[in-house]
Amino acid sequence: MTVSGGGTGAGPGDSSYPGDATGDWEPADTSGSPRLAKDYGEYRGRVTPTAGATCVWRVDRPDGTMLRESSARSAEEAKALADAWVARARQQPEDADRF
């Protein structure tokens, strides 16, 4: 993943990110679209490269229902934002995870 402020990951189109796959984040290649993925149990996270050095992070339920998606300036920032969102969601009542 070509990112700034992140690891030494591979460029767009590559399916592995050795420098960015840290903190339980693992390389994933879905339908030819490289990304990082993390299984939180009740949530699934993913980080996908976009234009230049930016990324998009997303948190879904296991059934694929999107809960949150936003952009970030690097893979490291995207992973931290997704991890923080999940931590906040876990502190909320069950119906409040749509913030």
N, C-alpha and C. Protein backbone atom coordinates (compact mmCIF):
# COMPACT_ATOMS: atom_id res chain seq x y z
N MET A 1 0.87 -1.16 0.00
CA MET A 1 0.00 0.00 0.00
C MET A 1 0.91 1.21 0.00
N THR A 2 0.75 2.08 -0.95
CA THR A 2 1.55 3.28 -0.98
C THR A 2 0.93 4.29 -0.03
N VAL A 3 1.58 4.54 1.06
CA VAL A 3 1.04 5.43 2.06
C VAL A 3 2.15 6.27 2.65
N SER A 4 1.78 7.41 3.20
CA SER A 4 2.75 8.22 3.91
C SER A 4 2.56 8.00 5.39
N GLY A 5 3.63 8.05 6.13
CA GLY A 5 3.53 7.90 7.57
C GLY A 5 3.19 6.50 8.01
N GLY A 6 3.19 5.55 7.09
CA GLY A 6 2.85 4.18 7.43
C GLY A 6 4.07 3.30 7.31
N GLY A 7 3.84 2.04 7.07
CA GLY A 7 4.92 1.09 6.95
C GLY A 7 5.54 1.13 5.58
N THR A 8 6.25 0.10 5.27
CA THR A 8 6.95 0.02 3.98
C THR A 8 6.18 -0.86 3.03
N GLY A 9 4.88 -0.80 3.09
CA GLY A 9 4.02 -1.70 2.35
C GLY A 9 4.20 -1.63 0.85
N ALA A 10 3.57 -2.56 0.18
CA ALA A 10 3.65 -2.66 -1.26
C ALA A 10 2.81 -1.59 -1.93
N GLY A 11 3.02 -1.38 -3.19
CA GLY A 11 2.27 -0.37 -3.93
C GLY A 11 0.89 -0.87 -4.31
N PRO A 12 0.05 0.03 -4.83
CA PRO A 12 -1.29 -0.36 -5.25
C PRO A 12 -1.22 -1.49 -6.27
N GLY A 13 -2.13 -2.43 -6.14
CA GLY A 13 -2.14 -3.56 -7.04
C GLY A 13 -1.44 -4.78 -6.46
N ASP A 14 -0.61 -4.59 -5.44
CA ASP A 14 0.03 -5.72 -4.77
C ASP A 14 -0.91 -6.23 -3.70
N SER A 15 -0.82 -7.52 -3.38
CA SER A 15 -1.76 -8.08 -2.43
C SER A 15 -1.18 -8.27 -1.04
N SER A 16 0.05 -7.83 -0.80
CA SER A 16 0.60 -7.96 0.55
C SER A 16 1.16 -6.62 1.01
N TYR A 17 1.06 -6.38 2.29
CA TYR A 17 1.50 -5.14 2.89
C TYR A 17 2.35 -5.47 4.12
N PRO A 18 3.55 -5.97 3.95
CA PRO A 18 4.30 -6.42 5.11
C PRO A 18 4.55 -5.32 6.13
N GLY A 19 4.73 -4.09 5.71
CA GLY A 19 4.99 -3.01 6.65
C GLY A 19 3.75 -2.45 7.30
N ASP A 20 2.59 -2.65 6.71
CA ASP A 20 1.33 -2.09 7.24
C ASP A 20 0.49 -3.12 7.97
N ALA A 21 0.79 -4.41 7.81
CA ALA A 21 0.00 -5.47 8.45
C ALA A 21 0.52 -5.69 9.87
N THR A 22 0.10 -4.80 10.77
CA THR A 22 0.50 -4.88 12.18
C THR A 22 -0.74 -4.75 13.05
N GLY A 23 -0.62 -5.07 14.33
CA GLY A 23 -1.74 -4.89 15.25
C GLY A 23 -2.97 -5.68 14.88
N ASP A 24 -2.80 -6.93 14.48
CA ASP A 24 -3.89 -7.83 14.07
C ASP A 24 -4.48 -7.48 12.71
N TRP A 25 -3.95 -6.50 12.02
CA TRP A 25 -4.37 -6.20 10.65
C TRP A 25 -3.60 -7.12 9.73
N GLU A 26 -4.31 -7.74 8.77
CA GLU A 26 -3.69 -8.70 7.86
C GLU A 26 -3.95 -8.31 6.42
N PRO A 27 -3.03 -8.66 5.53
CA PRO A 27 -3.27 -8.41 4.10
C PRO A 27 -4.47 -9.21 3.62
N ALA A 28 -5.27 -8.62 2.77
CA ALA A 28 -6.41 -9.31 2.17
C ALA A 28 -6.54 -8.82 0.74
N ASP A 29 -6.84 -9.70 -0.16
CA ASP A 29 -7.03 -9.34 -1.56
C ASP A 29 -8.41 -9.83 -1.96
N THR A 30 -9.36 -8.90 -2.07
CA THR A 30 -10.73 -9.25 -2.38
C THR A 30 -11.07 -8.75 -3.78
N SER A 31 -11.40 -9.65 -4.65
CA SER A 31 -11.80 -9.31 -6.02
C SER A 31 -10.75 -8.45 -6.70
N GLY A 32 -9.48 -8.75 -6.48
CA GLY A 32 -8.42 -7.99 -7.13
C GLY A 32 -8.15 -6.64 -6.50
N SER A 33 -8.83 -6.34 -5.41
CA SER A 33 -8.64 -5.06 -4.72
C SER A 33 -7.86 -5.29 -3.43
N PRO A 34 -6.58 -4.93 -3.40
CA PRO A 34 -5.78 -5.18 -2.21
C PRO A 34 -6.24 -4.32 -1.04
N ARG A 35 -6.15 -4.86 0.15
CA ARG A 35 -6.54 -4.12 1.35
C ARG A 35 -5.97 -4.80 2.58
N LEU A 36 -6.13 -4.15 3.70
CA LEU A 36 -5.85 -4.74 5.00
C LEU A 36 -7.18 -5.05 5.65
N ALA A 37 -7.23 -6.10 6.45
CA ALA A 37 -8.47 -6.49 7.11
C ALA A 37 -8.18 -6.88 8.55
N LYS A 38 -9.19 -6.65 9.40
CA LYS A 38 -9.07 -7.03 10.81
C LYS A 38 -10.42 -7.54 11.28
N ASP A 39 -10.40 -8.68 11.98
CA ASP A 39 -11.60 -9.27 12.55
C ASP A 39 -11.65 -8.91 14.02
N TYR A 40 -12.65 -8.09 14.40
CA TYR A 40 -12.82 -7.68 15.79
C TYR A 40 -13.79 -8.59 16.53
N GLY A 41 -14.30 -9.60 15.87
CA GLY A 41 -15.33 -10.46 16.46
C GLY A 41 -16.69 -9.98 15.98
N GLU A 42 -17.27 -9.01 16.67
CA GLU A 42 -18.58 -8.49 16.30
C GLU A 42 -18.52 -7.47 15.16
N TYR A 43 -17.32 -7.07 14.77
CA TYR A 43 -17.11 -6.12 13.68
C TYR A 43 -16.00 -6.62 12.78
N ARG A 44 -15.98 -6.12 11.54
CA ARG A 44 -14.90 -6.39 10.59
C ARG A 44 -14.38 -5.04 10.11
N GLY A 45 -13.08 -4.87 10.11
CA GLY A 45 -12.47 -3.64 9.63
C GLY A 45 -11.70 -3.89 8.35
N ARG A 46 -11.60 -2.85 7.54
CA ARG A 46 -10.75 -2.94 6.36
C ARG A 46 -10.20 -1.57 5.99
N VAL A 47 -9.03 -1.58 5.41
CA VAL A 47 -8.35 -0.38 4.95
C VAL A 47 -8.01 -0.62 3.49
N THR A 48 -8.40 0.31 2.62
CA THR A 48 -8.19 0.17 1.18
C THR A 48 -7.49 1.42 0.67
N PRO A 49 -6.44 1.27 -0.15
CA PRO A 49 -5.79 2.45 -0.72
C PRO A 49 -6.72 3.14 -1.71
N THR A 50 -6.64 4.46 -1.75
CA THR A 50 -7.43 5.24 -2.73
C THR A 50 -6.43 5.96 -3.63
N ALA A 51 -6.54 7.25 -3.77
CA ALA A 51 -5.64 8.01 -4.65
C ALA A 51 -4.39 8.44 -3.90
N GLY A 52 -3.25 8.32 -4.57
CA GLY A 52 -2.00 8.76 -3.97
C GLY A 52 -1.70 8.04 -2.68
N ALA A 53 -1.50 8.80 -1.62
CA ALA A 53 -1.12 8.22 -0.33
C ALA A 53 -2.31 8.07 0.62
N THR A 54 -3.52 8.29 0.14
CA THR A 54 -4.68 8.23 1.03
C THR A 54 -5.30 6.83 1.07
N CYS A 55 -6.09 6.61 2.11
CA CYS A 55 -6.77 5.33 2.31
C CYS A 55 -8.20 5.58 2.73
N VAL A 56 -9.00 4.56 2.63
CA VAL A 56 -10.34 4.58 3.18
C VAL A 56 -10.39 3.47 4.21
N TRP A 57 -11.00 3.74 5.36
CA TRP A 57 -11.21 2.70 6.36
C TRP A 57 -12.70 2.51 6.52
N ARG A 58 -13.07 1.27 6.85
CA ARG A 58 -14.48 0.92 6.95
C ARG A 58 -14.65 -0.13 8.05
N VAL A 59 -15.75 -0.03 8.78
CA VAL A 59 -16.11 -1.03 9.77
C VAL A 59 -17.50 -1.54 9.42
N ASP A 60 -17.62 -2.86 9.32
CA ASP A 60 -18.88 -3.53 8.98
C ASP A 60 -19.25 -4.51 10.08
N ARG A 61 -20.49 -4.94 10.05
CA ARG A 61 -20.91 -6.10 10.83
C ARG A 61 -20.50 -7.33 10.03
N PRO A 62 -20.47 -8.50 10.67
CA PRO A 62 -20.12 -9.73 9.93
C PRO A 62 -21.03 -10.01 8.73
N ASP A 63 -22.28 -9.51 8.76
CA ASP A 63 -23.19 -9.73 7.63
C ASP A 63 -22.95 -8.75 6.49
N GLY A 64 -21.97 -7.85 6.64
CA GLY A 64 -21.64 -6.90 5.59
C GLY A 64 -22.28 -5.53 5.74
N THR A 65 -23.13 -5.35 6.72
CA THR A 65 -23.77 -4.05 6.95
C THR A 65 -22.71 -3.03 7.35
N MET A 66 -22.58 -1.96 6.55
CA MET A 66 -21.60 -0.93 6.86
C MET A 66 -22.05 -0.11 8.07
N LEU A 67 -21.13 0.11 8.99
CA LEU A 67 -21.40 0.93 10.17
C LEU A 67 -20.70 2.27 10.09
N ARG A 68 -19.48 2.31 9.56
CA ARG A 68 -18.72 3.56 9.48
C ARG A 68 -17.70 3.44 8.38
N GLU A 69 -17.50 4.54 7.64
CA GLU A 69 -16.49 4.61 6.60
C GLU A 69 -15.98 6.04 6.52
N SER A 70 -14.67 6.18 6.37
CA SER A 70 -14.09 7.52 6.29
C SER A 70 -12.72 7.42 5.63
N SER A 71 -12.17 8.56 5.24
CA SER A 71 -10.85 8.58 4.62
C SER A 71 -9.78 8.89 5.66
N ALA A 72 -8.54 8.57 5.31
CA ALA A 72 -7.40 8.83 6.18
C ALA A 72 -6.20 9.14 5.30
N ARG A 73 -5.19 9.76 5.90
CA ARG A 73 -4.00 10.15 5.15
C ARG A 73 -2.97 9.05 5.02
N SER A 74 -3.11 7.97 5.77
CA SER A 74 -2.15 6.87 5.70
C SER A 74 -2.82 5.60 6.22
N ALA A 75 -2.17 4.47 5.95
CA ALA A 75 -2.68 3.20 6.47
C ALA A 75 -2.63 3.20 8.00
N GLU A 76 -1.56 3.73 8.57
CA GLU A 76 -1.45 3.77 10.04
C GLU A 76 -2.58 4.60 10.65
N GLU A 77 -2.88 5.76 10.06
CA GLU A 77 -3.97 6.59 10.57
C GLU A 77 -5.31 5.86 10.40
N ALA A 78 -5.51 5.22 9.26
CA ALA A 78 -6.76 4.51 9.00
C ALA A 78 -6.96 3.38 10.00
N LYS A 79 -5.92 2.60 10.27
CA LYS A 79 -6.02 1.51 11.24
C LYS A 79 -6.34 2.07 12.63
N ALA A 80 -5.68 3.15 13.01
CA ALA A 80 -5.92 3.75 14.34
C ALA A 80 -7.35 4.28 14.45
N LEU A 81 -7.87 4.90 13.39
CA LEU A 81 -9.23 5.42 13.41
C LEU A 81 -10.26 4.30 13.50
N ALA A 82 -10.04 3.23 12.75
CA ALA A 82 -10.96 2.08 12.82
C ALA A 82 -10.91 1.44 14.21
N ASP A 83 -9.72 1.26 14.74
CA ASP A 83 -9.59 0.67 16.08
C ASP A 83 -10.29 1.54 17.12
N ALA A 84 -10.14 2.86 17.02
CA ALA A 84 -10.78 3.78 17.97
C ALA A 84 -12.30 3.74 17.82
N TRP A 85 -12.79 3.67 16.60
CA TRP A 85 -14.24 3.60 16.39
C TRP A 85 -14.81 2.35 17.04
N VAL A 86 -14.16 1.22 16.82
CA VAL A 86 -14.64 -0.04 17.41
C VAL A 86 -14.60 0.04 18.93
N ALA A 87 -13.55 0.61 19.49
CA ALA A 87 -13.47 0.75 20.96
C ALA A 87 -14.63 1.59 21.49
N ARG A 88 -14.96 2.69 20.81
CA ARG A 88 -16.10 3.52 21.23
C ARG A 88 -17.41 2.77 21.06
N ALA A 89 -17.57 2.05 19.96
CA ALA A 89 -18.82 1.32 19.71
C ALA A 89 -19.05 0.25 20.76
N ARG A 90 -17.99 -0.37 21.21
CA ARG A 90 -18.12 -1.40 22.25
C ARG A 90 -18.56 -0.83 23.58
N GLN A 91 -18.36 0.45 23.81
CA GLN A 91 -18.76 1.09 25.06
C GLN A 91 -20.20 1.57 25.04
N GLN A 92 -20.82 1.58 23.86
CA GLN A 92 -22.19 2.07 23.69
C GLN A 92 -23.19 0.94 23.84
N PRO A 93 -24.43 1.27 24.20
CA PRO A 93 -25.49 0.24 24.18
C PRO A 93 -25.60 -0.35 22.77
N GLU A 94 -26.10 -1.55 22.65
CA GLU A 94 -26.12 -2.27 21.38
C GLU A 94 -26.75 -1.49 20.23
N ASP A 95 -27.85 -0.76 20.47
CA ASP A 95 -28.50 -0.03 19.41
C ASP A 95 -27.80 1.28 19.05
N ALA A 96 -26.79 1.66 19.78
CA ALA A 96 -26.14 2.95 19.56
C ALA A 96 -24.91 2.84 18.67
N ASP A 97 -24.67 1.68 18.00
CA ASP A 97 -23.46 1.57 17.21
C ASP A 97 -23.62 2.15 15.81
N ARG A 98 -24.58 3.00 15.63
CA ARG A 98 -24.77 3.67 14.33
C ARG A 98 -24.40 5.14 14.43
N PHE A 99 -23.27 5.45 15.00
CA PHE A 99 -22.86 6.86 15.12
C PHE A 99 -21.77 7.19 14.16
